[in-house]
Amino acid sequence: MGVEYEAKVFKSGNSVALRLPKALGLKEGDRMVLREEQGKYSFEPAPPPKPKKIDLTGIAGSIPGLKPLTREEREFEERELDWEGKLLKRG
C-alpha cells in the first residue's frame, strides 16, 4: 500500500473542493479523472486532450472559384532564397 494522506473538504462557491497535499506533486491546472465506486473515491491524471481537427465540410464549396489543388499544382520547383543577405537553399 502507498503513502496515506488526509485532506480537507471545503466550500468553494456553489461546490465543494478537496484540498490535496503539496507532497502529491500536483500543479494548479492539472486535469484529473475522479471515480466513485460504492462510496469510495479515486483519482488519477486525465489522459492528454486529443488534438483538435478543423472541420471544413460546412464551408466547402461556399467560396466561388475556390477549388482543391491537383497533385501537379502542389509541386514546386526548388529555388534559392535570399533572406537578409543570407543565401538559403530550400529542400
PDB file of N, CA and C in Angstrom:
ATOM      1  N   MET A   1       0.846  -1.180   0.000  1.00  0.00           N
ATOM      2  CA  MET A   1       0.000   0.000   0.000  1.00  0.00           C
ATOM      3  C   MET A   1       0.887   1.237   0.000  1.00  0.00           C
ATOM      4  N   GLY A   2       0.432   2.300  -0.634  1.00  0.00           N
ATOM      5  CA  GLY A   2       1.215   3.524  -0.763  1.00  0.00           C
ATOM      6  C   GLY A   2       1.101   4.416   0.463  1.00  0.00           C
ATOM      7  N   VAL A   3       1.596   5.626   0.312  1.00  0.00           N
ATOM      8  CA  VAL A   3       1.554   6.625   1.382  1.00  0.00           C
ATOM      9  C   VAL A   3       0.119   7.108   1.550  1.00  0.00           C
ATOM     10  N   GLU A   4      -0.278   7.366   2.779  1.00  0.00           N
ATOM     11  CA  GLU A   4      -1.641   7.819   3.059  1.00  0.00           C
ATOM     12  C   GLU A   4      -1.613   9.274   3.508  1.00  0.00           C
ATOM     13  N   TYR A   5      -2.519  10.079   2.940  1.00  0.00           N
ATOM     14  CA  TYR A   5      -2.634  11.497   3.296  1.00  0.00           C
ATOM     15  C   TYR A   5      -4.053  11.767   3.757  1.00  0.00           C
ATOM     16  N   GLU A   6      -4.207  12.783   4.571  1.00  0.00           N
ATOM     17  CA  GLU A   6      -5.537  13.238   4.957  1.00  0.00           C
ATOM     18  C   GLU A   6      -5.755  14.593   4.308  1.00  0.00           C
ATOM     19  N   ALA A   7      -6.941  14.788   3.699  1.00  0.00           N
ATOM     20  CA  ALA A   7      -7.242  16.036   3.006  1.00  0.00           C
ATOM     21  C   ALA A   7      -8.547  16.593   3.552  1.00  0.00           C
ATOM     22  N   LYS A   8      -8.734  17.895   3.366  1.00  0.00           N
ATOM     23  CA  LYS A   8      -9.899  18.571   3.920  1.00  0.00           C
ATOM     24  C   LYS A   8     -10.832  19.025   2.799  1.00  0.00           C
ATOM     25  N   VAL A   9     -12.130  18.758   2.960  1.00  0.00           N
ATOM     26  CA  VAL A   9     -13.147  19.224   2.026  1.00  0.00           C
ATOM     27  C   VAL A   9     -13.635  20.585   2.518  1.00  0.00           C
ATOM     28  N   PHE A  10     -13.786  21.550   1.590  1.00  0.00           N
ATOM     29  CA  PHE A  10     -14.264  22.877   1.964  1.00  0.00           C
ATOM     30  C   PHE A  10     -15.185  23.413   0.885  1.00  0.00           C
ATOM     31  N   LYS A  11     -15.950  24.443   1.229  1.00  0.00           N
ATOM     32  CA  LYS A  11     -16.889  25.047   0.283  1.00  0.00           C
ATOM     33  C   LYS A  11     -16.135  26.000  -0.634  1.00  0.00           C
ATOM     34  N   SER A  12     -16.424  25.909  -1.929  1.00  0.00           N
ATOM     35  CA  SER A  12     -15.812  26.786  -2.924  1.00  0.00           C
ATOM     36  C   SER A  12     -16.922  27.222  -3.885  1.00  0.00           C
ATOM     37  N   GLY A  13     -17.470  28.417  -3.653  1.00  0.00           N
ATOM     38  CA  GLY A  13     -18.611  28.865  -4.459  1.00  0.00           C
ATOM     39  C   GLY A  13     -19.811  28.007  -4.158  1.00  0.00           C
ATOM     40  N   ASN A  14     -20.439  27.472  -5.200  1.00  0.00           N
ATOM     41  CA  ASN A  14     -21.593  26.585  -5.020  1.00  0.00           C
ATOM     42  C   ASN A  14     -21.191  25.111  -5.002  1.00  0.00           C
ATOM     43  N   SER A  15     -19.898  24.852  -4.949  1.00  0.00           N
ATOM     44  CA  SER A  15     -19.388  23.476  -4.961  1.00  0.00           C
ATOM     45  C   SER A  15     -18.614  23.207  -3.680  1.00  0.00           C
ATOM     46  N   VAL A  16     -18.155  21.984  -3.554  1.00  0.00           N
ATOM     47  CA  VAL A  16     -17.196  21.651  -2.508  1.00  0.00           C
ATOM     48  C   VAL A  16     -15.896  21.273  -3.212  1.00  0.00           C
ATOM     49  N   ALA A  17     -14.795  21.486  -2.543  1.00  0.00           N
ATOM     50  CA  ALA A  17     -13.486  21.203  -3.121  1.00  0.00           C
ATOM     51  C   ALA A  17     -12.682  20.379  -2.131  1.00  0.00           C
ATOM     52  N   LEU A  18     -11.709  19.686  -2.634  1.00  0.00           N
ATOM     53  CA  LEU A  18     -10.847  18.855  -1.807  1.00  0.00           C
ATOM     54  C   LEU A  18      -9.441  19.428  -1.873  1.00  0.00           C
ATOM     55  N   ARG A  19      -8.908  19.829  -0.747  1.00  0.00           N
ATOM     56  CA  ARG A  19      -7.555  20.396  -0.682  1.00  0.00           C
ATOM     57  C   ARG A  19      -6.579  19.233  -0.569  1.00  0.00           C
ATOM     58  N   LEU A  20      -5.717  19.085  -1.575  1.00  0.00           N
ATOM     59  CA  LEU A  20      -4.775  17.968  -1.597  1.00  0.00           C
ATOM     60  C   LEU A  20      -3.391  18.438  -1.161  1.00  0.00           C
ATOM     61  N   PRO A  21      -2.640  17.582  -0.484  1.00  0.00           N
ATOM     62  CA  PRO A  21      -1.307  17.968  -0.015  1.00  0.00           C
ATOM     63  C   PRO A  21      -0.350  18.256  -1.171  1.00  0.00           C
ATOM     64  N   LYS A  22       0.514  19.224  -0.965  1.00  0.00           N
ATOM     65  CA  LYS A  22       1.515  19.607  -1.960  1.00  0.00           C
ATOM     66  C   LYS A  22       2.446  18.428  -2.263  1.00  0.00           C
ATOM     67  N   ALA A  23       2.625  17.557  -1.281  1.00  0.00           N
ATOM     68  CA  ALA A  23       3.525  16.411  -1.424  1.00  0.00           C
ATOM     69  C   ALA A  23       3.126  15.484  -2.577  1.00  0.00           C
ATOM     70  N   LEU A  24       1.885  15.580  -3.040  1.00  0.00           N
ATOM     71  CA  LEU A  24       1.457  14.737  -4.156  1.00  0.00           C
ATOM     72  C   LEU A  24       2.076  15.186  -5.477  1.00  0.00           C
ATOM     73  N   GLY A  25       2.607  16.406  -5.511  1.00  0.00           N
ATOM     74  CA  GLY A  25       3.268  16.891  -6.717  1.00  0.00           C
ATOM     75  C   GLY A  25       2.340  17.426  -7.785  1.00  0.00           C
ATOM     76  N   LEU A  26       1.068  17.665  -7.446  1.00  0.00           N
ATOM     77  CA  LEU A  26       0.125  18.209  -8.421  1.00  0.00           C
ATOM     78  C   LEU A  26       0.355  19.708  -8.572  1.00  0.00           C
ATOM     79  N   LYS A  27       0.081  20.204  -9.786  1.00  0.00           N
ATOM     80  CA  LYS A  27       0.223  21.636 -10.041  1.00  0.00           C
ATOM     81  C   LYS A  27      -1.148  22.221 -10.361  1.00  0.00           C
ATOM     82  N   GLU A  28      -1.293  23.519 -10.119  1.00  0.00           N
ATOM     83  CA  GLU A  28      -2.535  24.205 -10.460  1.00  0.00           C
ATOM     84  C   GLU A  28      -2.802  24.018 -11.947  1.00  0.00           C
ATOM     85  N   GLY A  29      -4.031  23.640 -12.279  1.00  0.00           N
ATOM     86  CA  GLY A  29      -4.408  23.445 -13.674  1.00  0.00           C
ATOM     87  C   GLY A  29      -4.289  22.002 -14.142  1.00  0.00           C
ATOM     88  N   ASP A  30      -3.656  21.126 -13.335  1.00  0.00           N
ATOM     89  CA  ASP A  30      -3.588  19.713 -13.721  1.00  0.00           C
ATOM     90  C   ASP A  30      -5.008  19.165 -13.855  1.00  0.00           C
ATOM     91  N   ARG A  31      -5.233  18.357 -14.866  1.00  0.00           N
ATOM     92  CA  ARG A  31      -6.543  17.757 -15.076  1.00  0.00           C
ATOM     93  C   ARG A  31      -6.543  16.342 -14.491  1.00  0.00           C
ATOM     94  N   MET A  32      -7.625  16.012 -13.778  1.00  0.00           N
ATOM     95  CA  MET A  32      -7.720  14.715 -13.121  1.00  0.00           C
ATOM     96  C   MET A  32      -9.044  14.041 -13.473  1.00  0.00           C
ATOM     97  N   VAL A  33      -9.060  12.714 -13.417  1.00  0.00           N
ATOM     98  CA  VAL A  33     -10.284  11.933 -13.564  1.00  0.00           C
ATOM     99  C   VAL A  33     -10.631  11.417 -12.177  1.00  0.00           C
ATOM    100  N   LEU A  34     -11.848  11.677 -11.728  1.00  0.00           N
ATOM    101  CA  LEU A  34     -12.304  11.258 -10.405  1.00  0.00           C
ATOM    102  C   LEU A  34     -13.338  10.151 -10.580  1.00  0.00           C
ATOM    103  N   ARG A  35     -13.183   9.063  -9.813  1.00  0.00           N
ATOM    104  CA  ARG A  35     -14.129   7.948  -9.883  1.00  0.00           C
ATOM    105  C   ARG A  35     -14.723   7.700  -8.499  1.00  0.00           C
ATOM    106  N   GLU A  36     -16.001   7.344  -8.513  1.00  0.00           N
ATOM    107  CA  GLU A  36     -16.683   6.974  -7.271  1.00  0.00           C
ATOM    108  C   GLU A  36     -17.229   5.574  -7.470  1.00  0.00           C
ATOM    109  N   GLU A  37     -16.863   4.670  -6.576  1.00  0.00           N
ATOM    110  CA  GLU A  37     -17.362   3.301  -6.617  1.00  0.00           C
ATOM    111  C   GLU A  37     -17.740   2.879  -5.211  1.00  0.00           C
ATOM    112  N   GLN A  38     -19.015   2.632  -5.017  1.00  0.00           N
ATOM    113  CA  GLN A  38     -19.539   2.158  -3.738  1.00  0.00           C
ATOM    114  C   GLN A  38     -19.054   3.030  -2.573  1.00  0.00           C
ATOM    115  N   GLY A  39     -19.149   4.351  -2.763  1.00  0.00           N
ATOM    116  CA  GLY A  39     -18.793   5.282  -1.697  1.00  0.00           C
ATOM    117  C   GLY A  39     -17.305   5.522  -1.517  1.00  0.00           C
ATOM    118  N   LYS A  40     -16.473   4.933  -2.385  1.00  0.00           N
ATOM    119  CA  LYS A  40     -15.030   5.157  -2.316  1.00  0.00           C
ATOM    120  C   LYS A  40     -14.616   5.968  -3.536  1.00  0.00           C
ATOM    121  N   TYR A  41     -13.685   6.890  -3.342  1.00  0.00           N
ATOM    122  CA  TYR A  41     -13.261   7.796  -4.407  1.00  0.00           C
ATOM    123  C   TYR A  41     -11.805   7.527  -4.771  1.00  0.00           C
ATOM    124  N   SER A  42     -11.521   7.630  -6.043  1.00  0.00           N
ATOM    125  CA  SER A  42     -10.137   7.543  -6.512  1.00  0.00           C
ATOM    126  C   SER A  42      -9.957   8.566  -7.623  1.00  0.00           C
ATOM    127  N   PHE A  43      -8.732   9.023  -7.793  1.00  0.00           N
ATOM    128  CA  PHE A  43      -8.460   9.957  -8.881  1.00  0.00           C
ATOM    129  C   PHE A  43      -7.107   9.637  -9.494  1.00  0.00           C
ATOM    130  N   GLU A  44      -6.969  10.023 -10.757  1.00  0.00           N
ATOM    131  CA  GLU A  44      -5.718   9.819 -11.488  1.00  0.00           C
ATOM    132  C   GLU A  44      -5.604  10.899 -12.546  1.00  0.00           C
ATOM    133  N   PRO A  45      -4.392  11.130 -13.073  1.00  0.00           N
ATOM    134  CA  PRO A  45      -4.242  12.150 -14.106  1.00  0.00           C
ATOM    135  C   PRO A  45      -5.105  11.825 -15.326  1.00  0.00           C
ATOM    136  N   ALA A  46      -5.720  12.866 -15.892  1.00  0.00           N
ATOM    137  CA  ALA A  46      -6.536  12.699 -17.088  1.00  0.00           C
ATOM    138  C   ALA A  46      -5.621  12.462 -18.281  1.00  0.00           C
ATOM    139  N   PRO A  47      -6.077  11.680 -19.258  1.00  0.00           N
ATOM    140  CA  PRO A  47      -5.253  11.494 -20.460  1.00  0.00           C
ATOM    141  C   PRO A  47      -5.105  12.831 -21.187  1.00  0.00           C
ATOM    142  N   PRO A  48      -4.022  13.002 -21.931  1.00  0.00           N
ATOM    143  CA  PRO A  48      -3.841  14.266 -22.643  1.00  0.00           C
ATOM    144  C   PRO A  48      -4.984  14.487 -23.637  1.00  0.00           C
ATOM    145  N   PRO A  49      -5.402  15.751 -23.827  1.00  0.00           N
ATOM    146  CA  PRO A  49      -6.502  16.008 -24.755  1.00  0.00           C
ATOM    147  C   PRO A  49      -6.102  15.649 -26.178  1.00  0.00           C
ATOM    148  N   LYS A  50      -7.084  15.179 -26.946  1.00  0.00           N
ATOM    149  CA  LYS A  50      -6.834  14.834 -28.345  1.00  0.00           C
ATOM    150  C   LYS A  50      -6.633  16.123 -29.134  1.00  0.00           C
ATOM    151  N   PRO A  51      -5.729  16.089 -30.131  1.00  0.00           N
ATOM    152  CA  PRO A  51      -5.548  17.298 -30.940  1.00  0.00           C
ATOM    153  C   PRO A  51      -6.849  17.664 -31.654  1.00  0.00           C
ATOM    154  N   LYS A  52      -7.127  18.954 -31.696  1.00  0.00           N
ATOM    155  CA  LYS A  52      -8.354  19.406 -32.341  1.00  0.00           C
ATOM    156  C   LYS A  52      -8.165  19.415 -33.844  1.00  0.00           C
ATOM    157  N   LYS A  53      -9.194  18.990 -34.554  1.00  0.00           N
ATOM    158  CA  LYS A  53      -9.168  18.989 -36.012  1.00  0.00           C
ATOM    159  C   LYS A  53     -10.150  20.040 -36.500  1.00  0.00           C
ATOM    160  N   ILE A  54      -9.799  20.685 -37.578  1.00  0.00           N
ATOM    161  CA  ILE A  54     -10.674  21.686 -38.167  1.00  0.00           C
ATOM    162  C   ILE A  54     -11.565  20.991 -39.188  1.00  0.00           C
ATOM    163  N   ASP A  55     -12.863  21.149 -39.032  1.00  0.00           N
ATOM    164  CA  ASP A  55     -13.831  20.544 -39.937  1.00  0.00           C
ATOM    165  C   ASP A  55     -14.292  21.599 -40.943  1.00  0.00           C
ATOM    166  N   LEU A  56     -13.896  21.429 -42.184  1.00  0.00           N
ATOM    167  CA  LEU A  56     -14.245  22.387 -43.225  1.00  0.00           C
ATOM    168  C   LEU A  56     -15.424  21.934 -44.084  1.00  0.00           C
ATOM    169  N   THR A  57     -16.074  20.848 -43.699  1.00  0.00           N
ATOM    170  CA  THR A  57     -17.154  20.337 -44.535  1.00  0.00           C
ATOM    171  C   THR A  57     -18.307  21.322 -44.659  1.00  0.00           C
ATOM    172  N   GLY A  58     -18.527  22.146 -43.637  1.00  0.00           N
ATOM    173  CA  GLY A  58     -19.629  23.103 -43.689  1.00  0.00           C
ATOM    174  C   GLY A  58     -19.390  24.268 -44.629  1.00  0.00           C
ATOM    175  N   ILE A  59     -18.121  24.566 -44.946  1.00  0.00           N
ATOM    176  CA  ILE A  59     -17.856  25.707 -45.813  1.00  0.00           C
ATOM    177  C   ILE A  59     -17.332  25.295 -47.182  1.00  0.00           C
ATOM    178  N   ALA A  60     -17.086  24.006 -47.366  1.00  0.00           N
ATOM    179  CA  ALA A  60     -16.568  23.547 -48.658  1.00  0.00           C
ATOM    180  C   ALA A  60     -17.537  23.933 -49.766  1.00  0.00           C
ATOM    181  N   GLY A  61     -17.017  24.548 -50.794  1.00  0.00           N
ATOM    182  CA  GLY A  61     -17.847  24.936 -51.932  1.00  0.00           C
ATOM    183  C   GLY A  61     -18.561  26.261 -51.759  1.00  0.00           C
ATOM    184  N   SER A  62     -18.368  26.923 -50.616  1.00  0.00           N
ATOM    185  CA  SER A  62     -19.092  28.173 -50.384  1.00  0.00           C
ATOM    186  C   SER A  62     -18.332  29.392 -50.903  1.00  0.00           C
ATOM    187  N   ILE A  63     -17.075  29.221 -51.314  1.00  0.00           N
ATOM    188  CA  ILE A  63     -16.292  30.331 -51.852  1.00  0.00           C
ATOM    189  C   ILE A  63     -16.191  30.155 -53.362  1.00  0.00           C
ATOM    190  N   PRO A  64     -16.795  31.059 -54.143  1.00  0.00           N
ATOM    191  CA  PRO A  64     -16.760  30.914 -55.601  1.00  0.00           C
ATOM    192  C   PRO A  64     -15.317  30.927 -56.121  1.00  0.00           C
ATOM    193  N   GLY A  65     -15.025  30.037 -57.033  1.00  0.00           N
ATOM    194  CA  GLY A  65     -13.705  29.998 -57.658  1.00  0.00           C
ATOM    195  C   GLY A  65     -12.664  29.231 -56.872  1.00  0.00           C
ATOM    196  N   LEU A  66     -12.970  28.812 -55.661  1.00  0.00           N
ATOM    197  CA  LEU A  66     -12.001  28.065 -54.867  1.00  0.00           C
ATOM    198  C   LEU A  66     -12.176  26.588 -55.146  1.00  0.00           C
ATOM    199  N   LYS A  67     -11.097  25.953 -55.569  1.00  0.00           N
ATOM    200  CA  LYS A  67     -11.161  24.520 -55.850  1.00  0.00           C
ATOM    201  C   LYS A  67      -9.906  23.862 -55.285  1.00  0.00           C
ATOM    202  N   PRO A  68      -9.971  22.598 -54.955  1.00  0.00           N
ATOM    203  CA  PRO A  68      -8.791  21.908 -54.439  1.00  0.00           C
ATOM    204  C   PRO A  68      -7.687  21.871 -55.489  1.00  0.00           C
ATOM    205  N   LEU A  69      -6.426  21.932 -55.038  1.00  0.00           N
ATOM    206  CA  LEU A  69      -5.296  21.829 -55.943  1.00  0.00           C
ATOM    207  C   LEU A  69      -5.073  20.382 -56.340  1.00  0.00           C
ATOM    208  N   THR A  70      -4.682  20.184 -57.580  1.00  0.00           N
ATOM    209  CA  THR A  70      -4.318  18.840 -58.023  1.00  0.00           C
ATOM    210  C   THR A  70      -2.917  18.535 -57.512  1.00  0.00           C
ATOM    211  N   ARG A  71      -2.520  17.275 -57.600  1.00  0.00           N
ATOM    212  CA  ARG A  71      -1.185  16.886 -57.145  1.00  0.00           C
ATOM    213  C   ARG A  71      -0.110  17.667 -57.906  1.00  0.00           C
ATOM    214  N   GLU A  72      -0.299  17.841 -59.205  1.00  0.00           N
ATOM    215  CA  GLU A  72       0.677  18.576 -60.013  1.00  0.00           C
ATOM    216  C   GLU A  72       0.762  20.039 -59.588  1.00  0.00           C
ATOM    217  N   GLU A  73      -0.350  20.637 -59.216  1.00  0.00           N
ATOM    218  CA  GLU A  73      -0.357  22.035 -58.796  1.00  0.00           C
ATOM    219  C   GLU A  73       0.314  22.236 -57.436  1.00  0.00           C
ATOM    220  N   ARG A  74       0.392  21.178 -56.638  1.00  0.00           N
ATOM    221  CA  ARG A  74       1.009  21.273 -55.316  1.00  0.00           C
ATOM    222  C   ARG A  74       2.526  21.145 -55.365  1.00  0.00           C
ATOM    223  N   GLU A  75       3.066  20.661 -56.474  1.00  0.00           N
ATOM    224  CA  GLU A  75       4.516  20.516 -56.597  1.00  0.00           C
ATOM    225  C   GLU A  75       5.122  21.848 -57.011  1.00  0.00           C
ATOM    226  N   PHE A  76       6.338  22.116 -56.561  1.00  0.00           N
ATOM    227  CA  PHE A  76       7.001  23.368 -56.906  1.00  0.00           C
ATOM    228  C   PHE A  76       8.462  23.100 -57.227  1.00  0.00           C
ATOM    229  N   GLU A  77       9.031  24.027 -57.959  1.00  0.00           N
ATOM    230  CA  GLU A  77      10.441  23.944 -58.328  1.00  0.00           C
ATOM    231  C   GLU A  77      11.298  24.383 -57.145  1.00  0.00           C
ATOM    232  N   GLU A  78      12.414  23.692 -56.926  1.00  0.00           N
ATOM    233  CA  GLU A  78      13.335  24.097 -55.869  1.00  0.00           C
ATOM    234  C   GLU A  78      14.009  25.396 -56.310  1.00  0.00           C
ATOM    235  N   ARG A  79      14.164  26.326 -55.372  1.00  0.00           N
ATOM    236  CA  ARG A  79      14.801  27.594 -55.697  1.00  0.00           C
ATOM    237  C   ARG A  79      15.580  28.088 -54.489  1.00  0.00           C
ATOM    238  N   GLU A  80      16.540  28.948 -54.761  1.00  0.00           N
ATOM    239  CA  GLU A  80      17.330  29.519 -53.685  1.00  0.00           C
ATOM    240  C   GLU A  80      16.646  30.783 -53.186  1.00  0.00           C
ATOM    241  N   LEU A  81      16.691  30.996 -51.871  1.00  0.00           N
ATOM    242  CA  LEU A  81      16.067  32.158 -51.262  1.00  0.00           C
ATOM    243  C   LEU A  81      17.137  33.028 -50.619  1.00  0.00           C
ATOM    244  N   ASP A  82      16.997  34.352 -50.741  1.00  0.00           N
ATOM    245  CA  ASP A  82      17.948  35.286 -50.146  1.00  0.00           C
ATOM    246  C   ASP A  82      17.216  36.071 -49.054  1.00  0.00           C
ATOM    247  N   TRP A  83      17.385  35.647 -47.797  1.00  0.00           N
ATOM    248  CA  TRP A  83      16.751  36.331 -46.679  1.00  0.00           C
ATOM    249  C   TRP A  83      17.839  37.047 -45.892  1.00  0.00           C
ATOM    250  N   GLU A  84      17.693  38.349 -45.758  1.00  0.00           N
ATOM    251  CA  GLU A  84      18.635  39.173 -45.005  1.00  0.00           C
ATOM    252  C   GLU A  84      20.067  38.981 -45.478  1.00  0.00           C
ATOM    253  N   GLY A  85      20.253  38.871 -46.788  1.00  0.00           N
ATOM    254  CA  GLY A  85      21.590  38.760 -47.349  1.00  0.00           C
ATOM    255  C   GLY A  85      22.211  37.384 -47.204  1.00  0.00           C
ATOM    256  N   LYS A  86      21.470  36.428 -46.644  1.00  0.00           N
ATOM    257  CA  LYS A  86      21.991  35.065 -46.496  1.00  0.00           C
ATOM    258  C   LYS A  86      21.325  34.199 -47.545  1.00  0.00           C
ATOM    259  N   LEU A  87      22.091  33.536 -48.324  1.00  0.00           N
ATOM    260  CA  LEU A  87      21.560  32.689 -49.381  1.00  0.00           C
ATOM    261  C   LEU A  87      21.182  31.339 -48.763  1.00  0.00           C
ATOM    262  N   LEU A  88      19.930  30.993 -48.869  1.00  0.00           N
ATOM    263  CA  LEU A  88      19.451  29.738 -48.305  1.00  0.00           C
ATOM    264  C   LEU A  88      18.957  28.851 -49.435  1.00  0.00           C
ATOM    265  N   LYS A  89      19.222  27.582 -49.323  1.00  0.00           N
ATOM    266  CA  LYS A  89      18.707  26.639 -50.295  1.00  0.00           C
ATOM    267  C   LYS A  89      17.616  25.829 -49.643  1.00  0.00           C
ATOM    268  N   ARG A  90      16.467  25.822 -50.264  1.00  0.00           N
ATOM    269  CA  ARG A  90      15.317  25.134 -49.702  1.00  0.00           C
ATOM    270  C   ARG A  90      15.264  23.722 -50.248  1.00  0.00           C
ATOM    271  N   GLY A  91      14.894  22.770 -49.383  1.00  0.00           N
ATOM    272  CA  GLY A  91      14.698  21.419 -49.869  1.00  0.00           C
ATOM    273  C   GLY A  91      15.624  20.450 -49.334  1.00  0.00           C
TER     274      GLY A  91
END
